[in-house]
Protein backbone atom coordinates (compact mmCIF):
# COMPACT_ATOMS: atom_id res chain seq x y z
CA MET A 1 0.00 0.00 0.00
CA LYS A 2 1.40 3.38 -1.02
CA ILE A 3 1.31 6.21 1.48
CA THR A 4 0.85 9.71 0.13
CA PRO A 5 1.66 12.98 1.88
CA LEU A 6 -2.11 13.55 2.25
CA ASP A 7 -2.45 10.13 4.03
CA ILE A 8 0.22 11.19 6.50
CA GLN A 9 -1.42 14.59 7.11
CA GLN A 10 -4.84 13.06 7.73
CA GLN A 11 -3.63 10.20 9.94
CA GLN A 12 -5.53 10.11 13.27
CA PHE A 13 -4.49 8.14 16.30
CA LYS A 14 -6.97 6.72 18.78
CA GLY A 15 -7.39 7.98 22.34
CA LYS A 16 -4.76 9.45 24.53
CA MET A 17 -3.14 7.32 27.13
CA VAL A 18 -1.83 8.69 30.26
CA GLY A 19 1.79 9.41 29.76
CA GLY A 20 1.32 8.93 26.01
CA LEU A 21 2.58 11.09 23.18
CA ASP A 22 1.68 14.74 22.86
CA PRO A 23 -0.81 15.04 19.98
CA ASN A 24 0.69 18.37 18.90
CA ASP A 25 4.16 16.84 18.64
CA VAL A 26 2.77 13.90 16.65
CA ASP A 27 0.85 16.26 14.32
CA ALA A 28 3.94 18.46 13.85
CA PHE A 29 6.08 15.42 13.09
CA LEU A 30 3.49 14.07 10.65
CA GLN A 31 3.38 17.48 8.92
CA THR A 32 7.19 17.45 8.62
CA VAL A 33 7.18 13.86 7.28
CA ALA A 34 4.37 14.74 4.83
CA ALA A 35 6.26 17.84 3.61
CA GLU A 36 9.48 15.84 3.24
CA MET A 37 7.63 13.06 1.44
CA GLU A 38 5.96 15.58 -0.86
CA GLY A 39 9.40 17.06 -1.70
CA LEU A 40 10.81 13.60 -2.36
CA ILE A 41 7.86 12.71 -4.60
CA ARG A 42 8.28 15.99 -6.51
CA GLU A 43 12.04 15.40 -6.83
CA ASN A 44 11.39 11.81 -7.94
CA ASN A 45 8.94 13.01 -10.62
CA GLU A 46 11.42 15.64 -11.81
CA LEU A 47 14.14 13.01 -11.99
CA LYS A 48 11.82 10.69 -13.94
CA GLU A 49 11.05 13.52 -16.38
CA GLN A 50 14.77 14.33 -16.64
CA GLN A 51 15.53 10.65 -17.25
CA ALA A 52 12.84 10.43 -19.94
CA ARG A 53 14.23 13.58 -21.61
CA LEU A 54 17.79 12.23 -21.41
CA ASN A 55 16.60 8.90 -22.83
CA ARG A 56 14.98 10.73 -25.77
CA GLU A 57 18.16 12.77 -26.28
CA MET A 58 20.24 9.60 -26.12
CA ALA A 59 17.96 7.91 -28.68
CA ASP A 60 18.29 11.00 -30.91
CA MET A 61 22.07 10.93 -30.51
CA SER A 62 22.13 7.22 -31.32
CA GLU A 63 20.08 7.87 -34.46
CA LYS A 64 22.39 10.73 -35.45
CA GLU A 65 25.43 8.55 -34.77
CA LYS A 66 23.93 5.80 -36.95
CA ASP A 67 23.22 8.32 -39.73
CA LEU A 68 26.73 9.75 -39.43
CA ARG A 69 28.24 6.26 -39.56
CA GLU A 70 26.19 5.43 -42.67
CA THR A 71 27.18 8.74 -44.25
CA MET A 72 30.85 8.08 -43.51
CA LEU A 73 30.60 4.59 -45.00
CA ALA A 74 28.88 5.98 -48.08
CA ALA A 75 31.56 8.67 -48.41
CA GLN A 76 34.26 6.01 -48.06
CA ARG A 77 32.60 3.86 -50.74
CA ILE A 78 32.28 6.88 -53.04
CA THR A 79 35.95 7.74 -52.44
CA GLU A 80 37.01 4.17 -53.20
CA ASP A 81 34.84 4.15 -56.34
CA MET A 82 36.33 7.46 -57.45
CA LYS A 83 39.84 6.12 -56.84
CA ALA A 84 39.08 2.94 -58.78
CA ASN A 85 37.56 4.94 -61.64
CA ALA A 86 40.56 7.30 -61.68
CA GLN A 87 42.92 4.31 -61.81
CA LYS A 88 40.90 2.73 -64.63
CA GLU A 89 40.89 6.03 -66.50
CA ALA A 90 44.62 6.45 -65.96
CA SER A 91 45.23 2.90 -67.22
CA LEU A 92 43.07 3.58 -70.25
CA ILE A 93 44.95 6.82 -70.99
CA VAL A 94 48.30 5.02 -70.64
CA SER A 95 47.08 2.18 -72.88
CA GLU A 96 45.86 4.64 -75.51
CA ALA A 97 49.16 6.53 -75.32
CA GLU A 98 51.14 3.30 -75.69
CA LEU A 99 49.00 2.28 -78.66
CA LYS A 100 49.46 5.69 -80.25
CA ALA A 101 53.21 5.51 -79.61
CA GLU A 102 53.34 2.06 -81.21
CA ARG A 103 51.49 3.41 -84.26
CA ILE A 104 53.88 6.36 -84.49
CA VAL A 105 56.90 4.04 -84.25
CA ALA A 106 55.39 1.65 -86.83
CA ASP A 107 54.68 4.57 -89.18
CA ALA A 108 58.20 5.90 -88.67
CA GLU A 109 59.70 2.46 -89.39
CA LYS A 110 57.53 2.12 -92.50
CA ARG A 111 58.58 5.59 -93.63
CA LEU A 112 62.25 4.69 -92.96
CA VAL A 113 61.90 1.57 -95.14
CA GLU A 114 60.30 3.67 -97.90
CA ILE A 115 63.10 6.26 -97.71
CA ARG A 116 65.77 3.54 -97.82
CA VAL A 117 64.06 2.01 -100.85
CA ARG A 118 64.00 5.43 -102.55
CA ILE A 119 67.66 6.05 -101.66
CA GLU A 120 68.59 2.65 -103.06
CA GLU A 121 66.54 3.39 -106.20
CA MET A 122 68.28 6.78 -106.55
CA ARG A 123 71.71 5.11 -106.17
CA ARG A 124 70.78 2.60 -108.81
CA GLN A 125 69.57 5.39 -111.10
CA LYS A 126 72.78 7.35 -110.41
CA ILE A 127 74.89 4.34 -111.32
CA GLN A 128 72.82 3.83 -114.47
CA PHE A 129 73.06 7.53 -115.31
CA GLU A 130 76.83 7.54 -114.74
CA ALA A 131 77.20 4.42 -116.87
CA SER A 132 75.01 5.90 -119.60
CA LEU A 133 76.93 9.21 -119.45
CA LYS A 134 80.27 7.42 -119.56
CA ALA A 135 79.11 5.32 -122.50
CA LEU A 136 77.89 8.47 -124.26
CA LEU A 137 81.14 10.29 -123.55
CA ASP A 138 83.15 7.29 -124.72
CA SER A 139 81.01 7.20 -127.84
CA PHE A 140 81.60 10.94 -128.45
CA GLY A 141 85.24 10.46 -127.68
CA ARG A 142 85.50 7.69 -130.24
CA GLN A 143 83.58 9.78 -132.76
CA ILE A 144 85.86 12.70 -132.19
CA SER A 145 88.88 10.44 -132.47
CA SER A 146 87.60 8.93 -135.67
CA ASP A 147 86.74 12.34 -137.15
CA GLU A 148 90.18 13.75 -136.55
CA PRO A 149 92.49 13.81 -139.42
CA ALA A 150 95.26 11.53 -138.85
């Protein structure tokens, strides 16, 4: 059975015995106990309200912490994805550059072969021209020698 401050204030005791307690002292004590009990009940209610408020705040903080943790994980995943994409892009750029370099080298080698072929053709033509010129000069020389009076 719960006792309230009002129960204490309204408590009555039966008859007075000779040499018993002074009713005024008992009433004063009961009033003090009731006031103290009322203060304790009020303090208890305030503490319960404070606890409920702190529990709500703690639940809010836990929710915010969970959201923050999820946000951090998402940011970490995004960062890792961005890094992976940057590495893939860098690899692709390097591969394209290597391919382009290989094409340039292949074109240069092809051009070198063509130039060597042309140089060789020009040497051959030079030799033919020199031989033709020498034959022509020899022919003129023989004609001149044969036309000279002896």
